[in-house]
Amino acid sequence: MPLLVRDYSWDQAEGQVFVTVPLKGVRAGKADIFCAEDYLKVVLYASIDESKSSAKVGNGVVIFTLCKKESGMWEQLATVEVNKEKLQRKRESAIRANQEKTQEAEKEKAIKKRENEKYSLEKMMRIEEDNRRQIEDLKEQERRRATEELEQWKLQKQEEEERKRKEDLRIARQKVESEKRRKMRKEENKIQNSASRTANKHSVKGGTTGNIFTENSKEKIIPAPRSAGNIQIHFTPRVFPTALRESLVPEEEEWLRKQAEARRANNASIPDLNDLKEEEKNPDWLKDKGNKLFASGDYLAAVNAYNLGIQLNNKLPVLYLNRAASHLKLRNLHKAIEDSSKALDLLTPAVPDNANSRLKAHVRRGAAFCELELYVEGLQDYEAALKIDPSNKTIQADAEKIRQVIQGTPPDP
């Protein structure tokens, strides 16, 4: 039920009324304040603008700031109307007006909410449309780029075919000319032979006649058996390519010994290889087979051939070296590094006879390191290869490009 507060105080100005109501223990979260233009749980002396009025609750006091609809000084805060029925009608009218105003405010709030949702939806649709347009533009650019690349590829193919056609025509002409020359030489030889036969006939007719079967009629003479004896054989000492003062005779001899042992280390008795033919159990045959497969572009089959060769003989560095090249083509970069390292281990001691193989092993391992973006390790292998062949222009250019990548500068075109 409502509380009757009689010890309130109020003050006014030309356009405002200030009412201070003491409410012991009141807090802002639990206060229920109802105000209309003629009613503040009390019938006011004159009308106020409730939309501009305010109430502050705190510290046990409620302070109402009421804005007058008409400027002027009131004689008192509450009306002096004594008719209860009239006061009741004013209260009910004020409550109905407030309810209608509240419903109208809720309708306006709902309309504004729908407008905001509609605006948000339109905004999202515009954003999605922009994104779709951007995606379509990117697709169109990619399509144009692919078309240009395809046209360039077609032009390159046409140029290559034209060059190939010209080369084939040139080779065909050379074959025709070579065949003509061969026929001419054959005709010349025929003429020469015919002339020589004619000359021989004339010489036989003009010479002395004799028994051409005289030698055949003679008794065959059988030579006496040869006497037995010993023959002394002296082998020429092997001459190494290095000068005597720089001679690597011990290292060369060790390298030759290791190569001979490697050739004899043939594990043809492995049970898994029983199905192979005799020629397929030869590591050298498997190496040549792998080289042919590599040259034809069948790198996986080449790896299989080298694998069989290594199972038969794991001491031949050329098998590891060639398998590393196949792994590089197949992008098996870690395996390429392992095989190159194994080949370098077997290519010891370092002598001129295995310099070319050591150079290939360093270059292939360096290339695999660079593909893995381990440029420092790759540069070390390329520098090791340059120590073996300092005049190799290709390795020099590749090493310089790697240095530029490490230093962060763009490589020269």
Protein backbone atom coordinates (compact mmCIF):
# COMPACT_ATOMS: atom_id res chain seq x y z
CA MET A 1 0.00 0.00 0.00
CA PRO A 2 1.29 3.56 -0.63
CA LEU A 3 3.01 5.52 2.11
CA LEU A 4 1.85 8.98 2.98
CA VAL A 5 4.81 11.34 3.20
CA ARG A 6 4.02 14.65 4.80
CA ASP A 7 7.44 16.04 5.71
CA TYR A 8 8.51 16.73 2.13
CA SER A 9 9.81 20.07 1.00
CA TRP A 10 9.58 21.83 -2.32
CA ASP A 11 10.93 24.81 -4.13
CA GLN A 12 10.30 26.35 -7.51
CA ALA A 13 11.56 28.62 -10.27
CA GLU A 14 9.78 30.18 -13.20
CA GLY A 15 10.00 27.00 -15.27
CA GLN A 16 10.76 24.22 -12.74
CA VAL A 17 9.56 22.74 -9.46
CA PHE A 18 11.95 20.93 -7.07
CA VAL A 19 10.42 18.43 -4.65
CA THR A 20 12.55 16.69 -1.99
CA VAL A 21 10.96 13.62 -0.39
CA PRO A 22 12.81 11.88 2.48
CA LEU A 23 12.49 8.09 2.23
CA LYS A 24 14.52 6.25 4.80
CA GLY A 25 16.49 3.26 3.39
CA VAL A 26 15.46 3.81 -0.22
CA ARG A 27 17.94 2.77 -2.97
CA ALA A 28 17.94 3.54 -6.69
CA GLY A 29 17.45 -0.09 -7.70
CA LYS A 30 14.23 -0.63 -5.73
CA ALA A 31 12.37 2.66 -6.18
CA ASP A 32 9.11 2.66 -8.17
CA ILE A 33 8.27 6.18 -9.36
CA PHE A 34 5.20 7.02 -11.39
CA CYS A 35 4.74 10.44 -12.89
CA ALA A 36 2.19 11.97 -15.29
CA GLU A 37 1.65 15.54 -16.40
CA ASP A 38 -0.84 16.24 -13.54
CA TYR A 39 0.01 13.46 -11.15
CA LEU A 40 3.08 12.44 -9.16
CA LYS A 41 1.30 10.09 -6.78
CA VAL A 42 -0.14 13.44 -5.82
CA VAL A 43 -2.31 15.81 -7.76
CA LEU A 44 -0.13 18.80 -8.66
CA TYR A 45 -1.18 22.39 -8.61
CA ALA A 46 -0.61 22.73 -12.38
CA SER A 47 0.52 20.60 -15.32
CA ILE A 48 4.20 19.60 -15.90
CA ASP A 49 6.17 18.15 -18.83
CA GLU A 50 6.93 14.65 -17.54
CA SER A 51 9.20 13.87 -20.53
CA LYS A 52 11.64 16.58 -19.39
CA SER A 53 11.23 15.94 -15.67
CA SER A 54 13.61 13.71 -13.68
CA ALA A 55 13.99 12.02 -10.32
CA LYS A 56 17.25 11.31 -8.45
CA VAL A 57 17.22 8.65 -5.72
CA GLY A 58 20.01 8.27 -3.19
CA ASN A 59 21.08 8.69 0.41
CA GLY A 60 17.53 8.17 1.65
CA VAL A 61 16.18 11.11 -0.35
CA VAL A 62 14.26 11.38 -3.63
CA ILE A 63 14.67 14.71 -5.45
CA PHE A 64 12.14 15.43 -8.17
CA THR A 65 12.94 18.08 -10.80
CA LEU A 66 9.66 18.87 -12.53
CA CYS A 67 9.52 21.10 -15.63
CA LYS A 68 6.41 23.31 -15.78
CA LYS A 69 4.40 23.40 -18.95
CA GLU A 70 3.63 27.08 -18.34
CA SER A 71 6.14 29.35 -16.68
CA GLY A 72 4.92 30.96 -13.51
CA MET A 73 5.02 30.71 -9.75
CA TRP A 74 2.73 28.22 -8.00
CA GLU A 75 1.00 29.12 -4.80
CA GLN A 76 1.37 25.59 -3.50
CA LEU A 77 2.59 22.16 -4.69
CA ALA A 78 -0.66 20.16 -4.56
CA THR A 79 -4.03 21.17 -5.91
CA VAL A 80 -6.67 22.43 -3.52
CA GLU A 81 -9.35 20.33 -5.14
CA VAL A 82 -11.40 18.67 -2.45
CA ASN A 83 -13.79 16.67 -4.64
CA LYS A 84 -12.62 13.07 -4.23
CA GLU A 85 -14.40 11.86 -7.35
CA LYS A 86 -12.70 14.51 -9.44
CA LEU A 87 -9.34 13.64 -7.89
CA GLN A 88 -9.96 9.95 -8.63
CA ARG A 89 -10.77 10.72 -12.27
CA LYS A 90 -7.59 12.73 -12.56
CA ARG A 91 -5.58 9.84 -11.15
CA GLU A 92 -7.23 7.32 -13.50
CA SER A 93 -6.79 9.65 -16.50
CA ALA A 94 -3.15 10.11 -15.63
CA ILE A 95 -2.62 6.35 -15.34
CA ARG A 96 -4.38 5.67 -18.69
CA ALA A 97 -2.39 8.38 -20.40
CA ASN A 98 0.81 6.92 -19.02
CA GLN A 99 -0.16 3.41 -20.17
CA GLU A 100 -0.98 4.68 -23.67
CA LYS A 101 2.28 6.55 -23.76
CA THR A 102 4.14 3.44 -22.63
CA GLN A 103 2.47 1.32 -25.34
CA GLU A 104 3.28 3.95 -27.94
CA ALA A 105 6.88 4.00 -26.79
CA GLU A 106 7.06 0.21 -27.04
CA LYS A 107 5.62 0.32 -30.56
CA GLU A 108 8.15 2.94 -31.58
CA LYS A 109 10.90 0.84 -30.01
CA ALA A 110 9.74 -2.25 -31.93
CA ILE A 111 9.59 -0.26 -35.19
CA LYS A 112 13.06 1.13 -34.56
CA LYS A 113 14.34 -2.37 -33.78
CA ARG A 114 12.92 -3.70 -37.05
CA GLU A 115 14.44 -0.77 -38.92
CA ASN A 116 17.81 -1.45 -37.28
CA GLU A 117 17.56 -5.15 -38.17
CA LYS A 118 16.61 -4.27 -41.74
CA TYR A 119 19.53 -1.84 -41.95
CA SER A 120 21.91 -4.48 -40.54
CA LEU A 121 20.63 -7.06 -43.03
CA GLU A 122 21.03 -4.64 -45.93
CA LYS A 123 24.52 -3.78 -44.69
CA MET A 124 25.47 -7.47 -44.51
CA MET A 125 24.02 -8.06 -47.98
CA ARG A 126 26.06 -5.16 -49.36
CA ILE A 127 29.21 -6.52 -47.69
CA GLU A 128 28.55 -10.00 -49.07
CA GLU A 129 27.92 -8.53 -52.52
CA ASP A 130 31.21 -6.62 -52.35
CA ASN A 131 33.03 -9.77 -51.25
CA ARG A 132 31.42 -11.78 -54.05
CA ARG A 133 32.38 -9.09 -56.56
CA GLN A 134 35.97 -9.12 -55.30
CA ILE A 135 36.10 -12.92 -55.57
CA GLU A 136 34.73 -12.75 -59.12
CA ASP A 137 37.35 -10.13 -60.00
CA LEU A 138 40.12 -12.33 -58.59
CA LYS A 139 38.78 -15.32 -60.53
CA GLU A 140 38.68 -13.25 -63.70
CA GLN A 141 42.25 -12.06 -63.17
CA GLU A 142 43.39 -15.64 -62.53
CA ARG A 143 41.57 -16.83 -65.64
CA ARG A 144 43.20 -14.11 -67.75
CA ARG A 145 46.62 -14.93 -66.33
CA ALA A 146 46.11 -18.66 -67.01
CA THR A 147 44.96 -17.84 -70.56
CA GLU A 148 48.05 -15.69 -71.15
CA GLU A 149 50.33 -18.41 -69.79
CA LEU A 150 48.58 -20.98 -72.01
CA GLU A 151 49.06 -18.76 -75.06
CA GLN A 152 52.72 -18.26 -74.21
CA TRP A 153 53.13 -22.02 -73.77
CA LYS A 154 51.48 -22.61 -77.15
CA LEU A 155 53.84 -20.12 -78.79
CA GLN A 156 56.82 -21.80 -77.16
CA LYS A 157 55.61 -25.21 -78.31
CA GLN A 158 55.15 -23.91 -81.83
CA GLU A 159 58.65 -22.45 -81.81
CA GLU A 160 60.08 -25.69 -80.45
CA GLU A 161 58.20 -27.72 -83.07
CA GLU A 162 59.43 -25.37 -85.79
CA ARG A 163 63.01 -25.72 -84.56
CA LYS A 164 62.61 -29.48 -84.38
CA ARG A 165 61.15 -29.60 -87.88
CA LYS A 166 64.07 -27.59 -89.22
CA GLU A 167 66.53 -29.79 -87.39
CA ASP A 168 64.86 -32.95 -88.72
CA LEU A 169 64.93 -31.46 -92.22
CA ARG A 170 68.62 -30.64 -91.85
CA ILE A 171 69.39 -34.16 -90.60
CA ALA A 172 67.38 -35.67 -93.44
CA ARG A 173 69.31 -33.57 -95.96
CA GLN A 174 72.58 -34.66 -94.40
CA LYS A 175 71.48 -38.30 -94.63
CA VAL A 176 70.54 -37.87 -98.29
CA GLU A 177 73.85 -36.22 -99.06
CA SER A 178 75.71 -38.90 -97.11
CA GLU A 179 73.86 -41.62 -99.01
CA LYS A 180 74.71 -39.94 -102.29
CA ARG A 181 78.38 -39.77 -101.35
CA ARG A 182 78.32 -43.42 -100.27
CA LYS A 183 76.78 -44.47 -103.60
CA MET A 184 79.32 -42.41 -105.48
CA ARG A 185 82.18 -44.03 -103.57
CA LYS A 186 80.63 -47.44 -104.23
CA GLU A 187 80.43 -46.71 -107.93
CA GLU A 188 84.01 -45.51 -107.93
CA ASN A 189 85.09 -48.69 -106.13
CA LYS A 190 83.21 -50.81 -108.67
CA ILE A 191 84.94 -49.02 -111.50
CA GLN A 192 88.33 -49.43 -109.84
CA ASN A 193 87.69 -53.16 -109.16
CA SER A 194 86.54 -53.71 -112.72
CA ALA A 195 89.66 -52.02 -114.03
CA SER A 196 91.91 -54.09 -111.74
CA ARG A 197 90.22 -57.35 -112.80
CA THR A 198 90.71 -56.45 -116.44
CA ALA A 199 94.38 -55.72 -115.81
CA ASN A 200 94.81 -59.07 -114.02
CA LYS A 201 93.27 -60.95 -116.92
CA HIS A 202 95.67 -59.33 -119.35
CA SER A 203 98.63 -60.13 -117.11
CA VAL A 204 97.61 -63.82 -116.89
CA LYS A 205 97.25 -64.09 -120.63
CA GLY A 206 100.62 -62.53 -121.27
CA GLY A 207 102.57 -64.41 -118.52
CA THR A 208 104.04 -67.97 -118.34
CA THR A 209 101.67 -70.82 -117.80
CA GLY A 210 102.37 -73.27 -115.01
CA ASN A 211 100.72 -75.91 -112.82
CA ILE A 212 98.73 -74.03 -110.23
CA PHE A 213 98.14 -77.26 -108.29
CA THR A 214 101.86 -77.84 -107.67
CA GLU A 215 101.83 -76.59 -104.07
CA ASN A 216 98.65 -78.47 -103.19
CA SER A 217 100.19 -81.69 -104.44
CA LYS A 218 103.21 -81.35 -102.20
CA GLU A 219 103.31 -83.44 -99.08
CA LYS A 220 102.33 -81.53 -95.95
CA ILE A 221 105.22 -80.97 -93.57
CA ILE A 222 104.40 -81.20 -89.86
CA PRO A 223 106.66 -78.98 -87.66
CA ALA A 224 108.44 -80.50 -84.67
CA PRO A 225 107.03 -79.84 -81.15
CA ARG A 226 108.20 -76.68 -79.49
CA SER A 227 110.49 -76.93 -76.52
CA ALA A 228 109.21 -75.94 -73.08
CA GLY A 229 110.55 -72.87 -71.26
CA ASN A 230 109.79 -69.98 -68.88
CA ILE A 231 108.94 -66.46 -69.95
CA GLN A 232 109.76 -63.52 -67.68
CA ILE A 233 106.94 -60.91 -67.61
CA HIS A 234 107.55 -57.42 -66.30
CA PHE A 235 104.55 -55.13 -65.66
CA THR A 236 104.84 -51.44 -66.33
CA PRO A 237 104.34 -49.51 -63.07
CA ARG A 238 101.13 -47.47 -62.90
CA VAL A 239 101.71 -43.79 -63.66
CA PHE A 240 99.62 -41.39 -61.59
CA PRO A 241 98.44 -38.07 -63.00
CA THR A 242 100.06 -36.03 -60.22
CA ALA A 243 103.65 -34.86 -60.13
CA LEU A 244 106.10 -36.77 -57.96
CA ARG A 245 106.45 -33.96 -55.42
CA GLU A 246 102.64 -33.93 -55.06
CA SER A 247 102.24 -37.65 -55.45
CA LEU A 248 99.35 -39.40 -53.70
CA VAL A 249 100.67 -42.91 -54.30
CA PRO A 250 99.55 -44.34 -50.91
CA GLU A 251 96.10 -42.79 -51.25
CA GLU A 252 95.80 -43.99 -54.85
CA GLU A 253 96.80 -47.49 -53.86
CA GLU A 254 94.28 -47.49 -51.02
CA TRP A 255 91.56 -46.25 -53.38
CA LEU A 256 92.35 -48.99 -55.90
CA ARG A 257 92.33 -51.59 -53.13
CA LYS A 258 88.92 -50.39 -51.88
CA GLN A 259 87.53 -50.45 -55.42
CA ALA A 260 88.77 -54.00 -55.92
CA GLU A 261 87.21 -55.11 -52.62
CA ALA A 262 83.96 -53.38 -53.55
CA ARG A 263 83.83 -55.25 -56.86
CA ARG A 264 84.27 -58.56 -55.06
CA ALA A 265 81.62 -57.78 -52.39
CA ASN A 266 78.68 -59.29 -54.30
CA ASN A 267 75.81 -60.53 -52.11
CA ALA A 268 74.09 -62.53 -54.85
CA SER A 269 73.03 -65.17 -52.29
CA ILE A 270 70.34 -62.97 -50.65
CA PRO A 271 67.08 -65.01 -50.46
CA ASP A 272 64.96 -62.08 -51.66
CA LEU A 273 66.94 -61.97 -54.91
CA ASN A 274 66.48 -65.61 -55.89
CA ASP A 275 63.87 -64.70 -58.50
CA LEU A 276 66.31 -62.51 -60.45
CA LYS A 277 68.12 -63.69 -63.54
CA GLU A 278 71.87 -64.13 -63.45
CA GLU A 279 72.50 -60.90 -65.34
CA GLU A 280 70.14 -59.05 -62.99
CA LYS A 281 72.31 -60.09 -60.04
CA ASN A 282 75.17 -57.99 -61.38
CA PRO A 283 75.41 -54.56 -59.66
CA ASP A 284 76.98 -53.03 -62.77
CA TRP A 285 74.08 -54.28 -64.92
CA LEU A 286 71.59 -52.84 -62.41
CA LYS A 287 73.50 -49.52 -62.41
CA ASP A 288 73.29 -49.31 -66.20
CA LYS A 289 69.60 -50.27 -66.06
CA GLY A 290 68.93 -47.54 -63.51
CA ASN A 291 70.80 -44.99 -65.66
CA LYS A 292 68.62 -45.85 -68.67
CA LEU A 293 65.44 -45.53 -66.59
CA PHE A 294 66.66 -42.20 -65.20
CA ALA A 295 67.38 -40.91 -68.71
CA SER A 296 63.85 -41.88 -69.80
CA GLY A 297 62.31 -39.98 -66.85
CA ASP A 298 61.14 -43.04 -64.87
CA TYR A 299 62.86 -41.96 -61.64
CA LEU A 300 60.95 -44.30 -59.32
CA ALA A 301 61.94 -47.37 -61.37
CA ALA A 302 65.52 -46.08 -61.40
CA VAL A 303 65.49 -45.92 -57.59
CA ASN A 304 64.28 -49.55 -57.48
CA ALA A 305 67.13 -50.64 -59.76
CA TYR A 306 69.70 -48.83 -57.61
CA ASN A 307 68.15 -50.35 -54.48
CA LEU A 308 68.70 -53.88 -55.86
CA GLY A 309 72.25 -52.97 -56.80
CA ILE A 310 72.95 -51.70 -53.27
CA GLN A 311 71.49 -54.89 -51.77
CA LEU A 312 73.91 -56.87 -53.91
CA ASN A 313 76.89 -54.61 -53.22
CA ASN A 314 76.72 -51.75 -50.69
CA LYS A 315 80.31 -50.65 -51.26
CA LEU A 316 79.91 -49.01 -54.67
CA PRO A 317 79.61 -45.21 -54.26
CA VAL A 318 78.22 -44.73 -57.78
CA LEU A 319 74.99 -46.54 -56.80
CA TYR A 320 74.38 -44.14 -53.88
CA LEU A 321 75.36 -41.17 -56.04
CA ASN A 322 72.91 -42.06 -58.83
CA ARG A 323 70.14 -42.89 -56.36
CA ALA A 324 70.63 -39.43 -54.79
CA ALA A 325 70.03 -37.86 -58.23
CA SER A 326 66.79 -39.88 -58.60
CA HIS A 327 65.62 -38.83 -55.12
CA LEU A 328 66.27 -35.21 -56.05
CA LYS A 329 63.98 -35.57 -59.07
CA LEU A 330 61.30 -37.22 -56.88
CA ARG A 331 61.66 -34.44 -54.22
CA ASN A 332 62.79 -36.99 -51.61
CA LEU A 333 65.23 -34.39 -50.31
CA HIS A 334 66.25 -36.04 -47.02
CA LYS A 335 66.96 -39.33 -48.80
CA ALA A 336 69.02 -37.45 -51.40
CA ILE A 337 71.11 -35.95 -48.57
CA GLU A 338 71.58 -39.38 -46.96
CA ASP A 339 72.69 -41.03 -50.22
CA SER A 340 75.07 -38.17 -51.09
CA SER A 341 76.62 -38.37 -47.63
CA LYS A 342 77.00 -42.16 -47.94
CA ALA A 343 78.69 -41.74 -51.33
CA LEU A 344 81.13 -39.19 -49.85
CA ASP A 345 81.93 -41.64 -47.04
CA LEU A 346 82.79 -44.32 -49.62
CA LEU A 347 84.73 -41.87 -51.85
CA THR A 348 87.74 -41.88 -49.54
CA PRO A 349 90.58 -41.21 -49.66
CA ALA A 350 90.19 -38.07 -51.80
CA VAL A 351 92.27 -38.70 -54.95
CA PRO A 352 92.08 -37.30 -58.52
CA ASP A 353 90.52 -40.58 -59.70
CA ASN A 354 87.33 -39.95 -57.66
CA ALA A 355 87.30 -36.13 -57.86
CA ASN A 356 84.41 -35.99 -60.35
CA SER A 357 82.25 -38.29 -58.19
CA ARG A 358 82.99 -36.25 -55.06
CA LEU A 359 82.06 -33.05 -56.94
CA LYS A 360 78.69 -34.54 -57.98
CA ALA A 361 77.99 -35.72 -54.41
CA HIS A 362 78.65 -32.25 -52.96
CA VAL A 363 76.53 -30.52 -55.60
CA ARG A 364 73.57 -32.90 -55.17
CA ARG A 365 73.65 -32.68 -51.39
CA GLY A 366 73.97 -28.87 -51.61
CA ALA A 367 70.98 -28.70 -53.97
CA ALA A 368 68.88 -30.79 -51.56
CA PHE A 369 69.86 -28.52 -48.64
CA CYS A 370 68.85 -25.43 -50.63
CA GLU A 371 65.48 -27.00 -51.55
CA LEU A 372 64.94 -27.45 -47.80
CA GLU A 373 65.89 -23.73 -47.35
CA LEU A 374 69.03 -24.73 -45.41
CA TYR A 375 71.11 -22.31 -47.45
CA VAL A 376 74.15 -22.19 -45.14
CA GLU A 377 74.65 -25.98 -45.33
CA GLY A 378 74.02 -25.89 -49.09
CA LEU A 379 76.64 -23.16 -49.57
CA GLN A 380 79.19 -25.26 -47.67
CA ASP A 381 78.71 -28.15 -50.12
CA TYR A 382 78.95 -25.85 -53.15
CA GLU A 383 82.17 -24.34 -51.79
CA ALA A 384 83.54 -27.85 -51.25
CA ALA A 385 82.69 -28.63 -54.90
CA LEU A 386 84.51 -25.44 -56.01
CA LYS A 387 87.63 -26.59 -54.15
CA ILE A 388 87.57 -29.72 -56.32
CA ASP A 389 86.91 -27.82 -59.59
CA PRO A 390 87.56 -24.05 -59.07
CA SER A 391 87.00 -23.25 -62.77
CA ASN A 392 83.44 -24.61 -62.96
CA LYS A 393 81.35 -21.58 -64.00
CA THR A 394 77.97 -23.20 -63.28
CA ILE A 395 78.88 -24.06 -59.69
CA GLN A 396 80.36 -20.58 -59.21
CA ALA A 397 77.10 -18.95 -60.37
CA ASP A 398 74.95 -21.20 -58.14
CA ALA A 399 77.15 -20.51 -55.11
CA GLU A 400 76.89 -16.76 -55.71
CA LYS A 401 73.07 -16.98 -55.89
CA ILE A 402 73.01 -18.86 -52.55
CA ARG A 403 75.21 -16.18 -50.96
CA GLN A 404 72.81 -13.48 -52.13
CA VAL A 405 69.85 -15.39 -50.66
CA ILE A 406 71.65 -15.71 -47.33
CA GLN A 407 72.53 -12.00 -47.32
CA GLY A 408 68.93 -11.08 -48.16
CA THR A 409 69.71 -9.46 -51.51
CA PRO A 410 67.80 -10.46 -54.64
CA PRO A 411 69.83 -12.73 -56.95
CA ASP A 412 71.04 -11.32 -60.25
CA PRO A 413 68.79 -12.27 -63.21
